[in-house]
Amino acid sequence: MRLDGKVAIVTGAASGIGRAMAHRFAAEGARVVIADVDQARSESAAAEIAAITRGHVLGLAMDVTDEDSVESGVARTIAEYGGVDILCSNAGNQIIGGIHELAYSDWKKVLAVHLDGSFLTTRACLRHMYPSGKGGCIIYTGSVHSKLASVLKAPYVTAKHGILGLCRAVAKEGAPHGVRAHVICPGFVRTPLVEKQIPEQAKILNMTAQDVVEKVMLKDTVDKQFTSTDEIAETAVFLAEQTTLALTGQSIMLSHGWFME
């Protein structure tokens, strides 16, 4: 029970990476809030994870791009569980297209979820973590695209690079209050978000879906494997359980050797 007594908020946690982190946190003893834009999916995921782990899991609706929604979600977490120790800022989206064809509204939509969402959830949690005197940990879901660029993904690459900057600023400002911050940077993970990208890229690049997987997504990995949600969840637990500021402000690569620091 590596996170016994901790309270964790995970955004975008009704499915994919966020759900895996929420599940693992609950299994390790944390009281978990699954915050997702879809209320029904949040509650369903929370009920399923609670039944499996026998843990305390709350599902609530949160639009990370809406200030009032974020503030009320964090306030409800504190009312239900007495505080917040861990934030996993994980909510994300993706729109594929060349820069010259990209609609401004699509650009803003991607940056709003990744950057505005990270800022709003971070600010809301820090306003509790600082006066609590217990410190805390903020974990951002980045990407190999926090370090590298790819074609057709300008908004996503820009947003994931920006998350690195926010994390480092939080690590500096949070240190006097015992708050640590990190970015987990996975390679491609076979989530619904990535599954949607495969046919989109195949059409734009005039390739088969299998070629997109083998020649684009996994081309530079050492073992031709996707990063798994379990690998990400285990890393999140490891980062969340630390108590020392020796480990803060770091980007942790989980890319099967695609990018090596």
C-alpha atoms as a PDB file:
ATOM      1  CA  MET A   1       0.000   0.000   0.000  1.00  0.00           C
ATOM      2  CA  ARG A   2       2.525   2.521  -1.234  1.00  0.00           C
ATOM      3  CA  LEU A   3       0.036   5.426  -1.286  1.00  0.00           C
ATOM      4  CA  ASP A   4      -1.969   4.622   1.826  1.00  0.00           C
ATOM      5  CA  GLY A   5      -3.740   7.711   3.153  1.00  0.00           C
ATOM      6  CA  LYS A   6      -3.052   9.834   0.073  1.00  0.00           C
ATOM      7  CA  VAL A   7      -5.714  11.592  -1.992  1.00  0.00           C
ATOM      8  CA  ALA A   8      -5.229  11.681  -5.766  1.00  0.00           C
ATOM      9  CA  ILE A   9      -7.068  13.510  -8.536  1.00  0.00           C
ATOM     10  CA  VAL A  10      -6.593  12.076 -12.018  1.00  0.00           C
ATOM     11  CA  THR A  11      -8.003  14.050 -14.953  1.00  0.00           C
ATOM     12  CA  GLY A  12      -9.114  12.367 -18.141  1.00  0.00           C
ATOM     13  CA  ALA A  13      -9.369   9.183 -16.127  1.00  0.00           C
ATOM     14  CA  ALA A  14     -12.502   7.538 -17.506  1.00  0.00           C
ATOM     15  CA  SER A  15     -10.365   5.627 -20.001  1.00  0.00           C
ATOM     16  CA  GLY A  16      -6.846   5.030 -21.279  1.00  0.00           C
ATOM     17  CA  ILE A  17      -3.775   6.209 -19.396  1.00  0.00           C
ATOM     18  CA  GLY A  18      -5.733   8.117 -16.768  1.00  0.00           C
ATOM     19  CA  ARG A  19      -7.897   5.136 -15.926  1.00  0.00           C
ATOM     20  CA  ALA A  20      -4.819   2.923 -15.526  1.00  0.00           C
ATOM     21  CA  MET A  21      -3.243   5.444 -13.152  1.00  0.00           C
ATOM     22  CA  ALA A  22      -6.447   5.803 -11.148  1.00  0.00           C
ATOM     23  CA  HIS A  23      -6.782   2.022 -10.873  1.00  0.00           C
ATOM     24  CA  ARG A  24      -3.205   1.594  -9.714  1.00  0.00           C
ATOM     25  CA  PHE A  25      -3.436   4.446  -7.204  1.00  0.00           C
ATOM     26  CA  ALA A  26      -6.559   2.920  -5.672  1.00  0.00           C
ATOM     27  CA  ALA A  27      -4.871  -0.494  -5.507  1.00  0.00           C
ATOM     28  CA  GLU A  28      -1.990   1.155  -3.632  1.00  0.00           C
ATOM     29  CA  GLY A  29      -4.309   2.599  -0.990  1.00  0.00           C
ATOM     30  CA  ALA A  30      -4.985   6.110  -2.258  1.00  0.00           C
ATOM     31  CA  ARG A  31      -8.432   7.653  -2.250  1.00  0.00           C
ATOM     32  CA  VAL A  32      -8.928   8.549  -5.892  1.00  0.00           C
ATOM     33  CA  VAL A  33     -11.006  11.065  -7.798  1.00  0.00           C
ATOM     34  CA  ILE A  34     -11.672  10.237 -11.433  1.00  0.00           C
ATOM     35  CA  ALA A  35     -12.237  13.603 -13.080  1.00  0.00           C
ATOM     36  CA  ASP A  36     -13.460  13.447 -16.668  1.00  0.00           C
ATOM     37  CA  VAL A  37     -15.526  15.684 -18.883  1.00  0.00           C
ATOM     38  CA  ASP A  38     -18.185  12.957 -19.121  1.00  0.00           C
ATOM     39  CA  GLN A  39     -20.010  12.510 -15.798  1.00  0.00           C
ATOM     40  CA  ALA A  40     -21.529   9.128 -16.635  1.00  0.00           C
ATOM     41  CA  ARG A  41     -18.216   7.662 -17.780  1.00  0.00           C
ATOM     42  CA  SER A  42     -16.473   9.044 -14.685  1.00  0.00           C
ATOM     43  CA  GLU A  43     -18.979   7.441 -12.356  1.00  0.00           C
ATOM     44  CA  SER A  44     -18.909   4.151 -14.239  1.00  0.00           C
ATOM     45  CA  ALA A  45     -15.112   3.965 -14.171  1.00  0.00           C
ATOM     46  CA  ALA A  46     -15.061   4.889 -10.487  1.00  0.00           C
ATOM     47  CA  ALA A  47     -17.581   2.160  -9.626  1.00  0.00           C
ATOM     48  CA  GLU A  48     -15.667  -0.481 -11.571  1.00  0.00           C
ATOM     49  CA  ILE A  49     -12.299   0.423 -10.060  1.00  0.00           C
ATOM     50  CA  ALA A  50     -13.747   0.590  -6.542  1.00  0.00           C
ATOM     51  CA  ALA A  51     -15.288  -2.859  -6.972  1.00  0.00           C
ATOM     52  CA  ILE A  52     -12.004  -4.389  -8.134  1.00  0.00           C
ATOM     53  CA  THR A  53      -9.664  -2.663  -5.668  1.00  0.00           C
ATOM     54  CA  ARG A  54     -12.116  -2.305  -2.756  1.00  0.00           C
ATOM     55  CA  GLY A  55     -10.838   1.246  -2.549  1.00  0.00           C
ATOM     56  CA  HIS A  56     -12.383   4.689  -2.226  1.00  0.00           C
ATOM     57  CA  VAL A  57     -12.992   6.042  -5.724  1.00  0.00           C
ATOM     58  CA  LEU A  58     -15.134   9.043  -6.649  1.00  0.00           C
ATOM     59  CA  GLY A  59     -16.191   9.911 -10.187  1.00  0.00           C
ATOM     60  CA  LEU A  60     -17.027  13.489 -11.055  1.00  0.00           C
ATOM     61  CA  ALA A  61     -17.439  15.682 -14.123  1.00  0.00           C
ATOM     62  CA  MET A  62     -14.628  18.136 -14.792  1.00  0.00           C
ATOM     63  CA  ASP A  63     -13.985  20.182 -17.892  1.00  0.00           C
ATOM     64  CA  VAL A  64     -10.321  21.074 -17.422  1.00  0.00           C
ATOM     65  CA  THR A  65     -10.657  24.063 -19.757  1.00  0.00           C
ATOM     66  CA  ASP A  66     -13.336  25.643 -17.554  1.00  0.00           C
ATOM     67  CA  GLU A  67     -12.150  27.488 -14.462  1.00  0.00           C
ATOM     68  CA  ASP A  68     -15.355  27.037 -12.479  1.00  0.00           C
ATOM     69  CA  SER A  69     -15.532  23.323 -13.294  1.00  0.00           C
ATOM     70  CA  VAL A  70     -11.959  22.773 -12.118  1.00  0.00           C
ATOM     71  CA  GLU A  71     -12.388  24.795  -8.940  1.00  0.00           C
ATOM     72  CA  SER A  72     -15.615  23.026  -7.998  1.00  0.00           C
ATOM     73  CA  GLY A  73     -14.096  19.595  -8.710  1.00  0.00           C
ATOM     74  CA  VAL A  74     -11.106  20.241  -6.475  1.00  0.00           C
ATOM     75  CA  ALA A  75     -13.357  21.739  -3.793  1.00  0.00           C
ATOM     76  CA  ARG A  76     -15.544  18.632  -3.847  1.00  0.00           C
ATOM     77  CA  THR A  77     -12.465  16.423  -3.552  1.00  0.00           C
ATOM     78  CA  ILE A  78     -11.354  18.304  -0.461  1.00  0.00           C
ATOM     79  CA  ALA A  79     -14.871  18.165   0.998  1.00  0.00           C
ATOM     80  CA  GLU A  80     -15.114  14.399   0.408  1.00  0.00           C
ATOM     81  CA  TYR A  81     -11.590  13.329   1.318  1.00  0.00           C
ATOM     82  CA  GLY A  82     -10.157  16.169   3.375  1.00  0.00           C
ATOM     83  CA  GLY A  83      -7.424  17.280   0.999  1.00  0.00           C
ATOM     84  CA  VAL A  84      -5.441  16.507  -2.130  1.00  0.00           C
ATOM     85  CA  ASP A  85      -1.897  15.114  -2.172  1.00  0.00           C
ATOM     86  CA  ILE A  86      -1.455  14.048  -5.792  1.00  0.00           C
ATOM     87  CA  LEU A  87      -2.619  15.569  -9.043  1.00  0.00           C
ATOM     88  CA  CYS A  88      -2.227  13.665 -12.290  1.00  0.00           C
ATOM     89  CA  SER A  89      -2.884  16.223 -15.010  1.00  0.00           C
ATOM     90  CA  ASN A  90      -3.618  13.760 -17.777  1.00  0.00           C
ATOM     91  CA  ALA A  91      -6.583  15.017 -19.808  1.00  0.00           C
ATOM     92  CA  GLY A  92      -5.653  15.340 -23.453  1.00  0.00           C
ATOM     93  CA  ASN A  93      -6.859  15.448 -27.025  1.00  0.00           C
ATOM     94  CA  GLN A  94      -5.362  15.292 -30.500  1.00  0.00           C
ATOM     95  CA  ILE A  95      -6.125  16.800 -33.895  1.00  0.00           C
ATOM     96  CA  ILE A  96      -4.115  15.638 -36.897  1.00  0.00           C
ATOM     97  CA  GLY A  97      -3.296  17.905 -39.827  1.00  0.00           C
ATOM     98  CA  GLY A  98      -0.698  19.989 -41.595  1.00  0.00           C
ATOM     99  CA  ILE A  99      -0.003  23.442 -40.177  1.00  0.00           C
ATOM    100  CA  HIS A 100      -1.012  25.111 -43.449  1.00  0.00           C
ATOM    101  CA  GLU A 101      -4.436  23.454 -43.296  1.00  0.00           C
ATOM    102  CA  LEU A 102      -5.078  23.648 -39.565  1.00  0.00           C
ATOM    103  CA  ALA A 103      -8.071  25.639 -38.359  1.00  0.00           C
ATOM    104  CA  TYR A 104      -7.287  28.182 -35.663  1.00  0.00           C
ATOM    105  CA  SER A 105     -10.162  26.763 -33.619  1.00  0.00           C
ATOM    106  CA  ASP A 106      -8.528  23.317 -33.690  1.00  0.00           C
ATOM    107  CA  TRP A 107      -5.187  24.799 -32.613  1.00  0.00           C
ATOM    108  CA  LYS A 108      -6.866  26.496 -29.651  1.00  0.00           C
ATOM    109  CA  LYS A 109      -8.853  23.382 -28.767  1.00  0.00           C
ATOM    110  CA  VAL A 110      -5.709  21.263 -28.331  1.00  0.00           C
ATOM    111  CA  LEU A 111      -3.772  23.897 -26.400  1.00  0.00           C
ATOM    112  CA  ALA A 112      -6.760  24.604 -24.162  1.00  0.00           C
ATOM    113  CA  VAL A 113      -7.060  21.006 -22.960  1.00  0.00           C
ATOM    114  CA  HIS A 114      -3.336  20.368 -22.501  1.00  0.00           C
ATOM    115  CA  LEU A 115      -2.012  23.746 -21.334  1.00  0.00           C
ATOM    116  CA  ASP A 116      -4.989  25.623 -19.915  1.00  0.00           C
ATOM    117  CA  GLY A 117      -6.163  22.394 -18.286  1.00  0.00           C
ATOM    118  CA  SER A 118      -2.761  21.749 -16.733  1.00  0.00           C
ATOM    119  CA  PHE A 119      -2.555  25.302 -15.434  1.00  0.00           C
ATOM    120  CA  LEU A 120      -6.062  25.418 -13.981  1.00  0.00           C
ATOM    121  CA  THR A 121      -5.841  22.057 -12.220  1.00  0.00           C
ATOM    122  CA  THR A 122      -2.345  22.807 -10.950  1.00  0.00           C
ATOM    123  CA  ARG A 123      -3.348  26.190  -9.561  1.00  0.00           C
ATOM    124  CA  ALA A 124      -6.423  24.786  -7.836  1.00  0.00           C
ATOM    125  CA  CYS A 125      -4.429  21.993  -6.174  1.00  0.00           C
ATOM    126  CA  LEU A 126      -1.488  24.192  -5.185  1.00  0.00           C
ATOM    127  CA  ARG A 127      -3.864  26.534  -3.375  1.00  0.00           C
ATOM    128  CA  HIS A 128      -4.594  23.621  -1.063  1.00  0.00           C
ATOM    129  CA  MET A 129      -1.192  21.927  -1.018  1.00  0.00           C
ATOM    130  CA  TYR A 130       0.730  25.027   0.024  1.00  0.00           C
ATOM    131  CA  PRO A 131      -1.193  25.836   3.229  1.00  0.00           C
ATOM    132  CA  SER A 132      -1.696  22.173   4.142  1.00  0.00           C
ATOM    133  CA  GLY A 133       1.945  21.832   5.149  1.00  0.00           C
ATOM    134  CA  LYS A 134       2.000  18.261   3.768  1.00  0.00           C
ATOM    135  CA  GLY A 135       3.553  18.998   0.402  1.00  0.00           C
ATOM    136  CA  GLY A 136       2.340  17.097  -2.617  1.00  0.00           C
ATOM    137  CA  CYS A 137       3.123  15.763  -6.056  1.00  0.00           C
ATOM    138  CA  ILE A 138       1.928  16.926  -9.458  1.00  0.00           C
ATOM    139  CA  ILE A 139       2.421  14.560 -12.372  1.00  0.00           C
ATOM    140  CA  TYR A 140       1.809  15.707 -15.923  1.00  0.00           C
ATOM    141  CA  THR A 141       1.230  13.350 -18.809  1.00  0.00           C
ATOM    142  CA  GLY A 142       3.662  14.513 -21.439  1.00  0.00           C
ATOM    143  CA  SER A 143       4.937  12.574 -24.419  1.00  0.00           C
ATOM    144  CA  VAL A 144       7.997  11.846 -26.481  1.00  0.00           C
ATOM    145  CA  HIS A 145       6.552  14.843 -28.315  1.00  0.00           C
ATOM    146  CA  SER A 146       7.538  16.905 -25.284  1.00  0.00           C
ATOM    147  CA  LYS A 147      11.063  16.456 -26.668  1.00  0.00           C
ATOM    148  CA  LEU A 148      10.666  15.763 -30.382  1.00  0.00           C
ATOM    149  CA  ALA A 149       8.474  16.997 -33.208  1.00  0.00           C
ATOM    150  CA  SER A 150       6.482  14.987 -35.707  1.00  0.00           C
ATOM    151  CA  VAL A 151       4.634  16.016 -38.832  1.00  0.00           C
ATOM    152  CA  LEU A 152       0.886  16.645 -38.672  1.00  0.00           C
ATOM    153  CA  LYS A 153       0.935  17.283 -34.911  1.00  0.00           C
ATOM    154  CA  ALA A 154       1.942  20.923 -34.434  1.00  0.00           C
ATOM    155  CA  PRO A 155      -0.641  21.790 -31.731  1.00  0.00           C
ATOM    156  CA  TYR A 156       0.060  18.601 -29.768  1.00  0.00           C
ATOM    157  CA  VAL A 157       3.850  18.999 -30.014  1.00  0.00           C
ATOM    158  CA  THR A 158       3.585  22.640 -28.941  1.00  0.00           C
ATOM    159  CA  ALA A 159       1.354  21.768 -25.991  1.00  0.00           C
ATOM    160  CA  LYS A 160       3.526  18.886 -24.798  1.00  0.00           C
ATOM    161  CA  HIS A 161       6.648  21.058 -24.982  1.00  0.00           C
ATOM    162  CA  GLY A 162       4.789  23.692 -22.955  1.00  0.00           C
ATOM    163  CA  ILE A 163       3.940  21.189 -20.231  1.00  0.00           C
ATOM    164  CA  LEU A 164       7.668  20.714 -19.611  1.00  0.00           C
ATOM    165  CA  GLY A 165       8.002  24.421 -18.912  1.00  0.00           C
ATOM    166  CA  LEU A 166       5.038  24.463 -16.551  1.00  0.00           C
ATOM    167  CA  CYS A 167       6.375  21.429 -14.680  1.00  0.00           C
ATOM    168  CA  ARG A 168       9.767  23.013 -14.164  1.00  0.00           C
ATOM    169  CA  ALA A 169       8.224  26.256 -12.934  1.00  0.00           C
ATOM    170  CA  VAL A 170       6.023  24.318 -10.486  1.00  0.00           C
ATOM    171  CA  ALA A 171       9.070  22.371  -9.253  1.00  0.00           C
ATOM    172  CA  LYS A 172      10.890  25.644  -8.522  1.00  0.00           C
ATOM    173  CA  GLU A 173       7.953  27.446  -6.915  1.00  0.00           C
ATOM    174  CA  GLY A 174       6.628  24.399  -5.093  1.00  0.00           C
ATOM    175  CA  ALA A 175       9.898  23.327  -3.489  1.00  0.00           C
ATOM    176  CA  PRO A 176       9.626  25.610  -0.425  1.00  0.00           C
ATOM    177  CA  HIS A 177       6.213  24.034   0.222  1.00  0.00           C
ATOM    178  CA  GLY A 178       7.358  20.443  -0.302  1.00  0.00           C
ATOM    179  CA  VAL A 179       5.571  20.124  -3.638  1.00  0.00           C
ATOM    180  CA  ARG A 180       7.268  18.084  -6.368  1.00  0.00           C
ATOM    181  CA  ALA A 181       6.427  18.055 -10.083  1.00  0.00           C
ATOM    182  CA  HIS A 182       7.248  15.665 -12.917  1.00  0.00           C
ATOM    183  CA  VAL A 183       6.322  14.876 -16.501  1.00  0.00           C
ATOM    184  CA  ILE A 184       5.870  11.287 -17.654  1.00  0.00           C
ATOM    185  CA  CYS A 185       6.779  11.100 -21.344  1.00  0.00           C
ATOM    186  CA  PRO A 186       5.529   7.892 -22.975  1.00  0.00           C
ATOM    187  CA  GLY A 187       5.924   6.831 -26.550  1.00  0.00           C
ATOM    188  CA  PHE A 188       2.844   5.766 -28.453  1.00  0.00           C
ATOM    189  CA  VAL A 189       0.305   4.045 -26.210  1.00  0.00           C
ATOM    190  CA  ARG A 190      -2.472   2.039 -27.853  1.00  0.00           C
ATOM    191  CA  THR A 191      -5.303   4.048 -26.322  1.00  0.00           C
ATOM    192  CA  PRO A 192      -8.502   5.134 -28.116  1.00  0.00           C
ATOM    193  CA  LEU A 193      -6.750   8.443 -28.891  1.00  0.00           C
ATOM    194  CA  VAL A 194      -3.944   6.642 -30.744  1.00  0.00           C
ATOM    195  CA  GLU A 195      -6.281   4.136 -32.386  1.00  0.00           C
ATOM    196  CA  LYS A 196      -8.105   7.107 -33.911  1.00  0.00           C
ATOM    197  CA  GLN A 197      -4.835   8.532 -35.246  1.00  0.00           C
ATOM    198  CA  ILE A 198      -3.832   5.393 -37.166  1.00  0.00           C
ATOM    199  CA  PRO A 199      -6.438   5.625 -39.972  1.00  0.00           C
ATOM    200  CA  GLU A 200      -6.164   9.418 -40.001  1.00  0.00           C
ATOM    201  CA  GLN A 201      -2.413   9.276 -40.601  1.00  0.00           C
ATOM    202  CA  ALA A 202      -2.788   6.410 -43.066  1.00  0.00           C
ATOM    203  CA  LYS A 203      -5.086   8.553 -45.198  1.00  0.00           C
ATOM    204  CA  ILE A 204      -2.936  11.683 -45.068  1.00  0.00           C
ATOM    205  CA  LEU A 205       0.352   9.809 -45.621  1.00  0.00           C
ATOM    206  CA  ASN A 206      -1.111   7.417 -48.210  1.00  0.00           C
ATOM    207  CA  MET A 207       0.028   4.384 -46.201  1.00  0.00           C
ATOM    208  CA  THR A 208      -1.663   1.305 -44.825  1.00  0.00           C
ATOM    209  CA  ALA A 209      -2.663   1.269 -41.178  1.00  0.00           C
ATOM    210  CA  GLN A 210      -0.046  -1.394 -40.493  1.00  0.00           C
ATOM    211  CA  ASP A 211       2.649   0.757 -42.113  1.00  0.00           C
ATOM    212  CA  VAL A 212       1.653   3.679 -39.900  1.00  0.00           C
ATOM    213  CA  VAL A 213       2.185   1.478 -36.844  1.00  0.00           C
ATOM    214  CA  GLU A 214       5.446  -0.097 -38.004  1.00  0.00           C
ATOM    215  CA  LYS A 215       7.050   2.691 -40.043  1.00  0.00           C
ATOM    216  CA  VAL A 216       5.858   5.770 -38.166  1.00  0.00           C
ATOM    217  CA  MET A 217       4.782   5.029 -34.607  1.00  0.00           C
ATOM    218  CA  LEU A 218       7.195   2.248 -33.618  1.00  0.00           C
ATOM    219  CA  LYS A 219       9.968   2.858 -36.127  1.00  0.00           C
ATOM    220  CA  ASP A 220      12.533   4.184 -33.632  1.00  0.00           C
ATOM    221  CA  THR A 221      11.758   1.996 -30.615  1.00  0.00           C
ATOM    222  CA  VAL A 222      14.290  -0.664 -29.644  1.00  0.00           C
ATOM    223  CA  ASP A 223      11.726  -3.475 -29.488  1.00  0.00           C
ATOM    224  CA  LYS A 224       8.897  -2.338 -31.793  1.00  0.00           C
ATOM    225  CA  GLN A 225       6.517  -2.212 -28.826  1.00  0.00           C
ATOM    226  CA  PHE A 226       3.909   0.307 -27.745  1.00  0.00           C
ATOM    227  CA  THR A 227       4.289   1.776 -24.267  1.00  0.00           C
ATOM    228  CA  SER A 228       1.653   0.201 -22.026  1.00  0.00           C
ATOM    229  CA  THR A 229      -0.718   1.930 -19.643  1.00  0.00           C
ATOM    230  CA  ASP A 230       0.586  -0.356 -16.876  1.00  0.00           C
ATOM    231  CA  GLU A 231       4.125   0.925 -17.422  1.00  0.00           C
ATOM    232  CA  ILE A 232       2.894   4.490 -17.095  1.00  0.00           C
ATOM    233  CA  ALA A 233       0.795   3.743 -14.004  1.00  0.00           C
ATOM    234  CA  GLU A 234       3.734   2.082 -12.241  1.00  0.00           C
ATOM    235  CA  THR A 235       5.923   5.111 -12.965  1.00  0.00           C
ATOM    236  CA  ALA A 236       3.231   7.434 -11.628  1.00  0.00           C
ATOM    237  CA  VAL A 237       3.070   5.477  -8.358  1.00  0.00           C
ATOM    238  CA  PHE A 238       6.860   5.569  -8.054  1.00  0.00           C
ATOM    239  CA  LEU A 239       6.920   9.350  -8.497  1.00  0.00           C
ATOM    240  CA  ALA A 240       3.946   9.935  -6.197  1.00  0.00           C
ATOM    241  CA  GLU A 241       5.370   7.932  -3.295  1.00  0.00           C
ATOM    242  CA  GLN A 242       8.661   9.839  -3.121  1.00  0.00           C
ATOM    243  CA  THR A 243       9.205  12.208  -0.211  1.00  0.00           C
ATOM    244  CA  THR A 244      12.449  13.888  -1.206  1.00  0.00           C
ATOM    245  CA  LEU A 245      13.000  16.980  -3.311  1.00  0.00           C
ATOM    246  CA  ALA A 246      16.046  15.234  -4.751  1.00  0.00           C
ATOM    247  CA  LEU A 247      13.630  14.029  -7.422  1.00  0.00           C
ATOM    248  CA  THR A 248      11.618  16.932  -8.814  1.00  0.00           C
ATOM    249  CA  GLY A 249      11.241  18.791 -12.075  1.00  0.00           C
ATOM    250  CA  GLN A 250      12.094  15.697 -14.091  1.00  0.00           C
ATOM    251  CA  SER A 251      10.800  14.313 -17.375  1.00  0.00           C
ATOM    252  CA  ILE A 252      10.691  10.534 -17.249  1.00  0.00           C
ATOM    253  CA  MET A 253      10.937   8.877 -20.664  1.00  0.00           C
ATOM    254  CA  LEU A 254       8.884   5.701 -21.231  1.00  0.00           C
ATOM    255  CA  SER A 255       9.436   5.351 -24.944  1.00  0.00           C
ATOM    256  CA  HIS A 256      11.019   1.908 -25.377  1.00  0.00           C
ATOM    257  CA  GLY A 257      14.203   3.635 -26.437  1.00  0.00           C
ATOM    258  CA  TRP A 258      12.574   5.925 -29.026  1.00  0.00           C
ATOM    259  CA  PHE A 259      14.068   8.960 -27.287  1.00  0.00           C
ATOM    260  CA  MET A 260      17.033   8.639 -24.919  1.00  0.00           C
ATOM    261  CA  GLU A 261      18.167  11.480 -22.653  1.00  0.00           C
END
